[in-house]
Structure formats: C-alpha cells, structure tokens
Amino acid sequence: MVYETVLPPDTQNEIEEFLEERYVGHAATMQAVDEIEREIEKLAANPTLGAVPRGTPFETRRIHRFKVDVADNSLTVEFMYCVNKNRPSIVFSGFREIRLVL
C-alpha cells in the first residue's frame, strides 16, 4: 500500500527556504528537489523508515534523515511526520537541515 502524502504550507515553506538558501542555479535546485521528492516517495511506500523519538513529547511523530547530494555539496536533512493509518496518509510536520558535529 502506498500512503497519500500531505505537505502542509509550513513544511512546504521550510523546503523552499532550504532550497533557496543552499542552492544556486536551476540545475542544482532541481536536482535537490528530485532527491527530496524521492525520499517522500520512499516514505509513502514504507512509512516505518523513520525513527520514533522515544521518551519525548514527539513520540507520535517519526523522523526520517537522509542526505541531499548535489555536485560536491552533501547536506543531511530530516522530515518529521505522522502516520494516519485510518486514512492512510503521511502528514509531514517539518523539514530542516541537520548540521552534524564531528
């Protein structure tokens, strides 16, 4: 079963801001968009890919991290989302870049 995906305006804005701030040029932006859309499709096919943050107030949401690789620029980002099995749908409730500390 493939779940319907719901991207609320706030999440859409977060994705657009990320793209505008991180990528220059149409080709790079479109490649990043393709990678983000591919991850959305993966989650629609298997919403259990994301981790559940146990012991936090956000246990009802899952977090899915992935890399957006465009040219020499590899950025780690994450989606926060809820799964509604009654509908069945995935409601994305956030998108942000994760800066990993080494």
PDB file of N, CA and C in Angstrom:
ATOM      1  N   MET A   1       0.836  -1.177   0.000  1.00  0.00           N
ATOM      2  CA  MET A   1       0.000   0.000   0.000  1.00  0.00           C
ATOM      3  C   MET A   1       0.884   1.244   0.000  1.00  0.00           C
ATOM      4  N   VAL A   2       0.538   2.202  -0.822  1.00  0.00           N
ATOM      5  CA  VAL A   2       1.235   3.481  -0.854  1.00  0.00           C
ATOM      6  C   VAL A   2       0.365   4.504  -0.145  1.00  0.00           C
ATOM      7  N   TYR A   3       0.945   5.193   0.810  1.00  0.00           N
ATOM      8  CA  TYR A   3       0.228   6.195   1.595  1.00  0.00           C
ATOM      9  C   TYR A   3       0.161   7.517   0.839  1.00  0.00           C
ATOM     10  N   GLU A   4      -0.935   8.226   1.014  1.00  0.00           N
ATOM     11  CA  GLU A   4      -1.057   9.585   0.481  1.00  0.00           C
ATOM     12  C   GLU A   4      -0.110  10.473   1.285  1.00  0.00           C
ATOM     13  N   THR A   5       0.540  11.424   0.629  1.00  0.00           N
ATOM     14  CA  THR A   5       1.430  12.346   1.343  1.00  0.00           C
ATOM     15  C   THR A   5       0.784  13.722   1.414  1.00  0.00           C
ATOM     16  N   VAL A   6       0.906  14.334   2.592  1.00  0.00           N
ATOM     17  CA  VAL A   6       0.343  15.663   2.820  1.00  0.00           C
ATOM     18  C   VAL A   6       1.484  16.576   3.266  1.00  0.00           C
ATOM     19  N   LEU A   7       1.744  17.608   2.477  1.00  0.00           N
ATOM     20  CA  LEU A   7       2.763  18.604   2.810  1.00  0.00           C
ATOM     21  C   LEU A   7       2.064  19.916   3.156  1.00  0.00           C
ATOM     22  N   PRO A   8       1.856  20.188   4.434  1.00  0.00           N
ATOM     23  CA  PRO A   8       1.215  21.443   4.834  1.00  0.00           C
ATOM     24  C   PRO A   8       2.045  22.651   4.382  1.00  0.00           C
ATOM     25  N   PRO A   9       1.421  23.818   4.295  1.00  0.00           N
ATOM     26  CA  PRO A   9       2.138  25.021   3.848  1.00  0.00           C
ATOM     27  C   PRO A   9       3.410  25.317   4.641  1.00  0.00           C
ATOM     28  N   ASP A  10       3.398  25.119   5.953  1.00  0.00           N
ATOM     29  CA  ASP A  10       4.605  25.390   6.745  1.00  0.00           C
ATOM     30  C   ASP A  10       5.770  24.507   6.295  1.00  0.00           C
ATOM     31  N   THR A  11       5.507  23.238   6.066  1.00  0.00           N
ATOM     32  CA  THR A  11       6.553  22.321   5.639  1.00  0.00           C
ATOM     33  C   THR A  11       7.015  22.664   4.225  1.00  0.00           C
ATOM     34  N   GLN A  12       6.092  23.014   3.355  1.00  0.00           N
ATOM     35  CA  GLN A  12       6.459  23.439   2.003  1.00  0.00           C
ATOM     36  C   GLN A  12       7.371  24.662   2.061  1.00  0.00           C
ATOM     37  N   ASN A  13       7.048  25.612   2.938  1.00  0.00           N
ATOM     38  CA  ASN A  13       7.875  26.813   3.083  1.00  0.00           C
ATOM     39  C   ASN A  13       9.266  26.466   3.589  1.00  0.00           C
ATOM     40  N   GLU A  14       9.362  25.525   4.530  1.00  0.00           N
ATOM     41  CA  GLU A  14      10.671  25.118   5.047  1.00  0.00           C
ATOM     42  C   GLU A  14      11.530  24.502   3.944  1.00  0.00           C
ATOM     43  N   ILE A  15      10.918  23.706   3.079  1.00  0.00           N
ATOM     44  CA  ILE A  15      11.647  23.099   1.965  1.00  0.00           C
ATOM     45  C   ILE A  15      12.091  24.176   0.982  1.00  0.00           C
ATOM     46  N   GLU A  16      11.200  25.102   0.655  1.00  0.00           N
ATOM     47  CA  GLU A  16      11.532  26.175  -0.279  1.00  0.00           C
ATOM     48  C   GLU A  16      12.661  27.054   0.256  1.00  0.00           C
ATOM     49  N   GLU A  17      12.617  27.389   1.530  1.00  0.00           N
ATOM     50  CA  GLU A  17      13.685  28.191   2.137  1.00  0.00           C
ATOM     51  C   GLU A  17      15.016  27.453   2.082  1.00  0.00           C
ATOM     52  N   PHE A  18      15.003  26.164   2.400  1.00  0.00           N
ATOM     53  CA  PHE A  18      16.213  25.350   2.330  1.00  0.00           C
ATOM     54  C   PHE A  18      16.801  25.402   0.922  1.00  0.00           C
ATOM     55  N   LEU A  19      15.970  25.202  -0.081  1.00  0.00           N
ATOM     56  CA  LEU A  19      16.433  25.197  -1.469  1.00  0.00           C
ATOM     57  C   LEU A  19      16.995  26.562  -1.871  1.00  0.00           C
ATOM     58  N   GLU A  20      16.288  27.630  -1.516  1.00  0.00           N
ATOM     59  CA  GLU A  20      16.722  28.979  -1.878  1.00  0.00           C
ATOM     60  C   GLU A  20      18.041  29.361  -1.220  1.00  0.00           C
ATOM     61  N   GLU A  21      18.240  28.919   0.034  1.00  0.00           N
ATOM     62  CA  GLU A  21      19.432  29.298   0.788  1.00  0.00           C
ATOM     63  C   GLU A  21      20.643  28.433   0.465  1.00  0.00           C
ATOM     64  N   ARG A  22      20.456  27.220  -0.027  1.00  0.00           N
ATOM     65  CA  ARG A  22      21.572  26.286  -0.180  1.00  0.00           C
ATOM     66  C   ARG A  22      22.021  26.058  -1.621  1.00  0.00           C
ATOM     67  N   TYR A  23      21.167  26.357  -2.597  1.00  0.00           N
ATOM     68  CA  TYR A  23      21.491  26.001  -3.974  1.00  0.00           C
ATOM     69  C   TYR A  23      21.400  27.208  -4.895  1.00  0.00           C
ATOM     70  N   VAL A  24      22.375  27.264  -5.812  1.00  0.00           N
ATOM     71  CA  VAL A  24      22.423  28.335  -6.802  1.00  0.00           C
ATOM     72  C   VAL A  24      22.237  27.702  -8.167  1.00  0.00           C
ATOM     73  N   GLY A  25      21.338  28.258  -8.928  1.00  0.00           N
ATOM     74  CA  GLY A  25      21.114  27.768 -10.283  1.00  0.00           C
ATOM     75  C   GLY A  25      19.975  26.767 -10.359  1.00  0.00           C
ATOM     76  N   HIS A  26      19.350  26.771 -11.503  1.00  0.00           N
ATOM     77  CA  HIS A  26      18.179  25.925 -11.736  1.00  0.00           C
ATOM     78  C   HIS A  26      18.531  24.436 -11.675  1.00  0.00           C
ATOM     79  N   ALA A  27      19.639  24.043 -12.292  1.00  0.00           N
ATOM     80  CA  ALA A  27      20.008  22.622 -12.344  1.00  0.00           C
ATOM     81  C   ALA A  27      20.254  22.059 -10.940  1.00  0.00           C
ATOM     82  N   ALA A  28      21.005  22.783 -10.125  1.00  0.00           N
ATOM     83  CA  ALA A  28      21.296  22.310  -8.770  1.00  0.00           C
ATOM     84  C   ALA A  28      20.029  22.246  -7.934  1.00  0.00           C
ATOM     85  N   THR A  29      19.195  23.254  -8.056  1.00  0.00           N
ATOM     86  CA  THR A  29      17.944  23.286  -7.295  1.00  0.00           C
ATOM     87  C   THR A  29      17.048  22.121  -7.700  1.00  0.00           C
ATOM     88  N   MET A  30      16.932  21.872  -8.987  1.00  0.00           N
ATOM     89  CA  MET A  30      16.072  20.785  -9.459  1.00  0.00           C
ATOM     90  C   MET A  30      16.610  19.416  -9.039  1.00  0.00           C
ATOM     91  N   GLN A  31      17.924  19.268  -8.999  1.00  0.00           N
ATOM     92  CA  GLN A  31      18.497  18.001  -8.534  1.00  0.00           C
ATOM     93  C   GLN A  31      18.160  17.788  -7.056  1.00  0.00           C
ATOM     94  N   ALA A  32      18.248  18.851  -6.251  1.00  0.00           N
ATOM     95  CA  ALA A  32      17.890  18.750  -4.829  1.00  0.00           C
ATOM     96  C   ALA A  32      16.408  18.432  -4.672  1.00  0.00           C
ATOM     97  N   VAL A  33      15.561  19.067  -5.468  1.00  0.00           N
ATOM     98  CA  VAL A  33      14.122  18.803  -5.429  1.00  0.00           C
ATOM     99  C   VAL A  33      13.858  17.335  -5.746  1.00  0.00           C
ATOM    100  N   ASP A  34      14.531  16.809  -6.769  1.00  0.00           N
ATOM    101  CA  ASP A  34      14.353  15.401  -7.144  1.00  0.00           C
ATOM    102  C   ASP A  34      14.721  14.472  -5.992  1.00  0.00           C
ATOM    103  N   GLU A  35      15.815  14.775  -5.287  1.00  0.00           N
ATOM    104  CA  GLU A  35      16.230  13.926  -4.166  1.00  0.00           C
ATOM    105  C   GLU A  35      15.225  13.989  -3.016  1.00  0.00           C
ATOM    106  N   ILE A  36      14.708  15.169  -2.737  1.00  0.00           N
ATOM    107  CA  ILE A  36      13.705  15.317  -1.673  1.00  0.00           C
ATOM    108  C   ILE A  36      12.424  14.577  -2.050  1.00  0.00           C
ATOM    109  N   GLU A  37      11.985  14.733  -3.297  1.00  0.00           N
ATOM    110  CA  GLU A  37      10.776  14.035  -3.746  1.00  0.00           C
ATOM    111  C   GLU A  37      10.955  12.520  -3.714  1.00  0.00           C
ATOM    112  N   ARG A  38      12.149  12.040  -4.021  1.00  0.00           N
ATOM    113  CA  ARG A  38      12.427  10.607  -3.978  1.00  0.00           C
ATOM    114  C   ARG A  38      12.274  10.075  -2.550  1.00  0.00           C
ATOM    115  N   GLU A  39      12.724  10.846  -1.561  1.00  0.00           N
ATOM    116  CA  GLU A  39      12.574  10.426  -0.165  1.00  0.00           C
ATOM    117  C   GLU A  39      11.110  10.442   0.267  1.00  0.00           C
ATOM    118  N   ILE A  40      10.356  11.418  -0.206  1.00  0.00           N
ATOM    119  CA  ILE A  40       8.920  11.459   0.087  1.00  0.00           C
ATOM    120  C   ILE A  40       8.245  10.203  -0.461  1.00  0.00           C
ATOM    121  N   GLU A  41       8.622   9.817  -1.684  1.00  0.00           N
ATOM    122  CA  GLU A  41       8.059   8.609  -2.291  1.00  0.00           C
ATOM    123  C   GLU A  41       8.445   7.353  -1.499  1.00  0.00           C
ATOM    124  N   LYS A  42       9.689   7.305  -1.009  1.00  0.00           N
ATOM    125  CA  LYS A  42      10.115   6.163  -0.186  1.00  0.00           C
ATOM    126  C   LYS A  42       9.266   6.062   1.074  1.00  0.00           C
ATOM    127  N   LEU A  43       9.020   7.212   1.709  1.00  0.00           N
ATOM    128  CA  LEU A  43       8.207   7.200   2.927  1.00  0.00           C
ATOM    129  C   LEU A  43       6.760   6.839   2.625  1.00  0.00           C
ATOM    130  N   ALA A  44       6.250   7.256   1.478  1.00  0.00           N
ATOM    131  CA  ALA A  44       4.882   6.901   1.100  1.00  0.00           C
ATOM    132  C   ALA A  44       4.752   5.394   0.903  1.00  0.00           C
ATOM    133  N   ALA A  45       5.802   4.764   0.420  1.00  0.00           N
ATOM    134  CA  ALA A  45       5.789   3.316   0.214  1.00  0.00           C
ATOM    135  C   ALA A  45       6.049   2.549   1.508  1.00  0.00           C
ATOM    136  N   ASN A  46       6.821   3.163   2.419  1.00  0.00           N
ATOM    137  CA  ASN A  46       7.160   2.485   3.671  1.00  0.00           C
ATOM    138  C   ASN A  46       7.316   3.518   4.793  1.00  0.00           C
ATOM    139  N   PRO A  47       6.220   3.908   5.431  1.00  0.00           N
ATOM    140  CA  PRO A  47       6.291   4.961   6.451  1.00  0.00           C
ATOM    141  C   PRO A  47       7.012   4.553   7.732  1.00  0.00           C
ATOM    142  N   THR A  48       7.394   3.287   7.849  1.00  0.00           N
ATOM    143  CA  THR A  48       8.122   2.866   9.048  1.00  0.00           C
ATOM    144  C   THR A  48       9.626   3.120   8.934  1.00  0.00           C
ATOM    145  N   LEU A  49      10.077   3.721   7.852  1.00  0.00           N
ATOM    146  CA  LEU A  49      11.504   4.014   7.687  1.00  0.00           C
ATOM    147  C   LEU A  49      12.015   4.994   8.737  1.00  0.00           C
ATOM    148  N   GLY A  50      11.176   5.908   9.154  1.00  0.00           N
ATOM    149  CA  GLY A  50      11.590   6.903  10.130  1.00  0.00           C
ATOM    150  C   GLY A  50      11.669   6.334  11.531  1.00  0.00           C
ATOM    151  N   ALA A  51      12.494   6.959  12.351  1.00  0.00           N
ATOM    152  CA  ALA A  51      12.659   6.544  13.742  1.00  0.00           C
ATOM    153  C   ALA A  51      11.662   7.275  14.632  1.00  0.00           C
ATOM    154  N   VAL A  52      11.254   6.614  15.708  1.00  0.00           N
ATOM    155  CA  VAL A  52      10.354   7.217  16.683  1.00  0.00           C
ATOM    156  C   VAL A  52      11.198   7.716  17.849  1.00  0.00           C
ATOM    157  N   PRO A  53      11.141   9.007  18.169  1.00  0.00           N
ATOM    158  CA  PRO A  53      11.931   9.529  19.291  1.00  0.00           C
ATOM    159  C   PRO A  53      11.285   9.168  20.629  1.00  0.00           C
ATOM    160  N   ARG A  54      11.609   8.005  21.157  1.00  0.00           N
ATOM    161  CA  ARG A  54      11.014   7.504  22.408  1.00  0.00           C
ATOM    162  C   ARG A  54      11.366   8.403  23.594  1.00  0.00           C
ATOM    163  N   GLY A  55      10.428   8.517  24.513  1.00  0.00           N
ATOM    164  CA  GLY A  55      10.654   9.279  25.734  1.00  0.00           C
ATOM    165  C   GLY A  55      10.631  10.783  25.545  1.00  0.00           C
ATOM    166  N   THR A  56      10.072  11.238  24.426  1.00  0.00           N
ATOM    167  CA  THR A  56       9.970  12.679  24.172  1.00  0.00           C
ATOM    168  C   THR A  56       8.505  13.032  23.954  1.00  0.00           C
ATOM    169  N   PRO A  57       8.180  14.314  23.987  1.00  0.00           N
ATOM    170  CA  PRO A  57       6.795  14.705  23.709  1.00  0.00           C
ATOM    171  C   PRO A  57       6.381  14.454  22.263  1.00  0.00           C
ATOM    172  N   PHE A  58       7.343  14.066  21.413  1.00  0.00           N
ATOM    173  CA  PHE A  58       7.057  13.892  19.987  1.00  0.00           C
ATOM    174  C   PHE A  58       6.967  12.433  19.574  1.00  0.00           C
ATOM    175  N   GLU A  59       6.602  11.556  20.509  1.00  0.00           N
ATOM    176  CA  GLU A  59       6.537  10.122  20.202  1.00  0.00           C
ATOM    177  C   GLU A  59       5.527   9.786  19.112  1.00  0.00           C
ATOM    178  N   THR A  60       4.574  10.649  18.851  1.00  0.00           N
ATOM    179  CA  THR A  60       3.586  10.365  17.810  1.00  0.00           C
ATOM    180  C   THR A  60       4.122  10.701  16.419  1.00  0.00           C
ATOM    181  N   ARG A  61       5.280  11.354  16.366  1.00  0.00           N
ATOM    182  CA  ARG A  61       5.881  11.699  15.071  1.00  0.00           C
ATOM    183  C   ARG A  61       7.130  10.853  14.839  1.00  0.00           C
ATOM    184  N   ARG A  62       7.386  10.580  13.590  1.00  0.00           N
ATOM    185  CA  ARG A  62       8.604   9.881  13.195  1.00  0.00           C
ATOM    186  C   ARG A  62       9.578  10.895  12.589  1.00  0.00           C
ATOM    187  N   ILE A  63      10.846  10.541  12.594  1.00  0.00           N
ATOM    188  CA  ILE A  63      11.877  11.377  11.993  1.00  0.00           C
ATOM    189  C   ILE A  63      12.631  10.536  10.971  1.00  0.00           C
ATOM    190  N   HIS A  64      12.766  11.076   9.777  1.00  0.00           N
ATOM    191  CA  HIS A  64      13.493  10.382   8.711  1.00  0.00           C
ATOM    192  C   HIS A  64      14.613  11.293   8.220  1.00  0.00           C
ATOM    193  N   ARG A  65      15.862  10.860   8.412  1.00  0.00           N
ATOM    194  CA  ARG A  65      17.028  11.627   7.958  1.00  0.00           C
ATOM    195  C   ARG A  65      17.577  11.030   6.676  1.00  0.00           C
ATOM    196  N   PHE A  66      18.095  11.919   5.833  1.00  0.00           N
ATOM    197  CA  PHE A  66      18.708  11.477   4.587  1.00  0.00           C
ATOM    198  C   PHE A  66      19.645  12.565   4.079  1.00  0.00           C
ATOM    199  N   LYS A  67      20.457  12.212   3.102  1.00  0.00           N
ATOM    200  CA  LYS A  67      21.388  13.164   2.514  1.00  0.00           C
ATOM    201  C   LYS A  67      20.846  13.665   1.184  1.00  0.00           C
ATOM    202  N   VAL A  68      21.052  14.954   0.950  1.00  0.00           N
ATOM    203  CA  VAL A  68      20.769  15.556  -0.344  1.00  0.00           C
ATOM    204  C   VAL A  68      22.141  15.820  -0.960  1.00  0.00           C
ATOM    205  N   ASP A  69      22.480  15.021  -1.969  1.00  0.00           N
ATOM    206  CA  ASP A  69      23.785  15.128  -2.622  1.00  0.00           C
ATOM    207  C   ASP A  69      23.625  15.823  -3.964  1.00  0.00           C
ATOM    208  N   VAL A  70      24.185  17.022  -4.059  1.00  0.00           N
ATOM    209  CA  VAL A  70      24.162  17.784  -5.299  1.00  0.00           C
ATOM    210  C   VAL A  70      25.587  18.255  -5.552  1.00  0.00           C
ATOM    211  N   ALA A  71      26.172  17.785  -6.642  1.00  0.00           N
ATOM    212  CA  ALA A  71      27.558  18.102  -7.001  1.00  0.00           C
ATOM    213  C   ALA A  71      28.462  17.752  -5.815  1.00  0.00           C
ATOM    214  N   ASP A  72      29.240  18.704  -5.338  1.00  0.00           N
ATOM    215  CA  ASP A  72      30.139  18.462  -4.205  1.00  0.00           C
ATOM    216  C   ASP A  72      29.499  18.809  -2.876  1.00  0.00           C
ATOM    217  N   ASN A  73      28.225  19.115  -2.881  1.00  0.00           N
ATOM    218  CA  ASN A  73      27.519  19.576  -1.691  1.00  0.00           C
ATOM    219  C   ASN A  73      26.611  18.457  -1.161  1.00  0.00           C
ATOM    220  N   SER A  74      26.962  17.896  -0.002  1.00  0.00           N
ATOM    221  CA  SER A  74      26.161  16.842   0.615  1.00  0.00           C
ATOM    222  C   SER A  74      25.639  17.355   1.954  1.00  0.00           C
ATOM    223  N   LEU A  75      24.334  17.509   2.046  1.00  0.00           N
ATOM    224  CA  LEU A  75      23.705  18.043   3.253  1.00  0.00           C
ATOM    225  C   LEU A  75      22.771  16.997   3.860  1.00  0.00           C
ATOM    226  N   THR A  76      22.780  16.895   5.188  1.00  0.00           N
ATOM    227  CA  THR A  76      21.868  15.995   5.890  1.00  0.00           C
ATOM    228  C   THR A  76      20.639  16.779   6.299  1.00  0.00           C
ATOM    229  N   VAL A  77      19.478  16.235   5.983  1.00  0.00           N
ATOM    230  CA  VAL A  77      18.207  16.870   6.306  1.00  0.00           C
ATOM    231  C   VAL A  77      17.288  15.841   6.952  1.00  0.00           C
ATOM    232  N   GLU A  78      16.193  16.326   7.523  1.00  0.00           N
ATOM    233  CA  GLU A  78      15.230  15.393   8.094  1.00  0.00           C
ATOM    234  C   GLU A  78      13.812  15.899   7.901  1.00  0.00           C
ATOM    235  N   PHE A  79      12.923  14.931   7.761  1.00  0.00           N
ATOM    236  CA  PHE A  79      11.485  15.164   7.770  1.00  0.00           C
ATOM    237  C   PHE A  79      10.949  14.691   9.108  1.00  0.00           C
ATOM    238  N   MET A  80      10.009  15.429   9.685  1.00  0.00           N
ATOM    239  CA  MET A  80       9.214  14.948  10.793  1.00  0.00           C
ATOM    240  C   MET A  80       7.832  14.662  10.200  1.00  0.00           C
ATOM    241  N   TYR A  81       7.226  13.557  10.622  1.00  0.00           N
ATOM    242  CA  TYR A  81       5.928  13.215  10.034  1.00  0.00           C
ATOM    243  C   TYR A  81       5.116  12.318  10.958  1.00  0.00           C
ATOM    244  N   CYS A  82       3.815  12.334  10.738  1.00  0.00           N
ATOM    245  CA  CYS A  82       2.873  11.469  11.453  1.00  0.00           C
ATOM    246  C   CYS A  82       2.226  10.539  10.435  1.00  0.00           C
ATOM    247  N   VAL A  83       1.939   9.338  10.863  1.00  0.00           N
ATOM    248  CA  VAL A  83       1.268   8.373  10.002  1.00  0.00           C
ATOM    249  C   VAL A  83      -0.168   8.222  10.478  1.00  0.00           C
ATOM    250  N   ASN A  84      -1.100   8.418   9.566  1.00  0.00           N
ATOM    251  CA  ASN A  84      -2.517   8.223   9.849  1.00  0.00           C
ATOM    252  C   ASN A  84      -2.931   6.954   9.100  1.00  0.00           C
ATOM    253  N   LYS A  85      -3.025   5.844   9.822  1.00  0.00           N
ATOM    254  CA  LYS A  85      -3.331   4.568   9.181  1.00  0.00           C
ATOM    255  C   LYS A  85      -4.801   4.451   8.804  1.00  0.00           C
ATOM    256  N   ASN A  86      -5.662   5.256   9.401  1.00  0.00           N
ATOM    257  CA  ASN A  86      -7.087   5.203   9.070  1.00  0.00           C
ATOM    258  C   ASN A  86      -7.368   5.785   7.690  1.00  0.00           C
ATOM    259  N   ARG A  87      -6.571   6.745   7.267  1.00  0.00           N
ATOM    260  CA  ARG A  87      -6.859   7.459   6.028  1.00  0.00           C
ATOM    261  C   ARG A  87      -6.360   6.736   4.794  1.00  0.00           C
ATOM    262  N   PRO A  88      -5.337   6.106   4.553  1.00  0.00           N
ATOM    263  CA  PRO A  88      -3.978   6.111   5.070  1.00  0.00           C
ATOM    264  C   PRO A  88      -3.161   7.249   4.444  1.00  0.00           C
ATOM    265  N   SER A  89      -2.507   8.013   5.297  1.00  0.00           N
ATOM    266  CA  SER A  89      -1.726   9.143   4.826  1.00  0.00           C
ATOM    267  C   SER A  89      -0.541   9.418   5.743  1.00  0.00           C
ATOM    268  N   ILE A  90       0.391  10.179   5.219  1.00  0.00           N
ATOM    269  CA  ILE A  90       1.541  10.668   5.975  1.00  0.00           C
ATOM    270  C   ILE A  90       1.456  12.185   5.939  1.00  0.00           C
ATOM    271  N   VAL A  91       1.439  12.789   7.120  1.00  0.00           N
ATOM    272  CA  VAL A  91       1.390  14.252   7.209  1.00  0.00           C
ATOM    273  C   VAL A  91       2.769  14.713   7.662  1.00  0.00           C
ATOM    274  N   PHE A  92       3.454  15.434   6.793  1.00  0.00           N
ATOM    275  CA  PHE A  92       4.779  15.950   7.111  1.00  0.00           C
ATOM    276  C   PHE A  92       4.616  17.203   7.954  1.00  0.00           C
ATOM    277  N   SER A  93       5.296  17.215   9.102  1.00  0.00           N
ATOM    278  CA  SER A  93       5.120  18.331  10.037  1.00  0.00           C
ATOM    279  C   SER A  93       6.414  19.093  10.270  1.00  0.00           C
ATOM    280  N   GLY A  94       7.353  18.949   9.363  1.00  0.00           N
ATOM    281  CA  GLY A  94       8.589  19.702   9.485  1.00  0.00           C
ATOM    282  C   GLY A  94       9.675  19.189   8.577  1.00  0.00           C
ATOM    283  N   PHE A  95      10.573  20.081   8.211  1.00  0.00           N
ATOM    284  CA  PHE A  95      11.725  19.764   7.375  1.00  0.00           C
ATOM    285  C   PHE A  95      12.840  20.701   7.800  1.00  0.00           C
ATOM    286  N   ARG A  96      14.035  20.148   8.005  1.00  0.00           N
ATOM    287  CA  ARG A  96      15.156  21.016   8.377  1.00  0.00           C
ATOM    288  C   ARG A  96      16.479  20.342   8.054  1.00  0.00           C
ATOM    289  N   GLU A  97      17.497  21.175   7.945  1.00  0.00           N
ATOM    290  CA  GLU A  97      18.860  20.683   7.755  1.00  0.00           C
ATOM    291  C   GLU A  97      19.421  20.317   9.124  1.00  0.00           C
ATOM    292  N   ILE A  98      20.183  19.236   9.167  1.00  0.00           N
ATOM    293  CA  ILE A  98      20.847  18.786  10.382  1.00  0.00           C
ATOM    294  C   ILE A  98      22.337  19.007  10.179  1.00  0.00           C
ATOM    295  N   ARG A  99      22.909  19.803  11.023  1.00  0.00           N
ATOM    296  CA  ARG A  99      24.352  20.028  10.951  1.00  0.00           C
ATOM    297  C   ARG A  99      25.016  19.087  11.930  1.00  0.00           C
ATOM    298  N   LEU A 100      25.710  18.116  11.383  1.00  0.00           N
ATOM    299  CA  LEU A 100      26.352  17.099  12.202  1.00  0.00           C
ATOM    300  C   LEU A 100      27.677  17.638  12.733  1.00  0.00           C
ATOM    301  N   VAL A 101      27.900  17.462  14.023  1.00  0.00           N
ATOM    302  CA  VAL A 101      29.132  17.896  14.659  1.00  0.00           C
ATOM    303  C   VAL A 101      30.096  16.724  14.689  1.00  0.00           C
ATOM    304  N   LEU A 102      31.276  16.943  14.172  1.00  0.00           N
ATOM    305  CA  LEU A 102      32.285  15.869  14.123  1.00  0.00           C
ATOM    306  C   LEU A 102      33.288  16.026  15.220  1.00  0.00           C
TER     307      LEU A 102
END
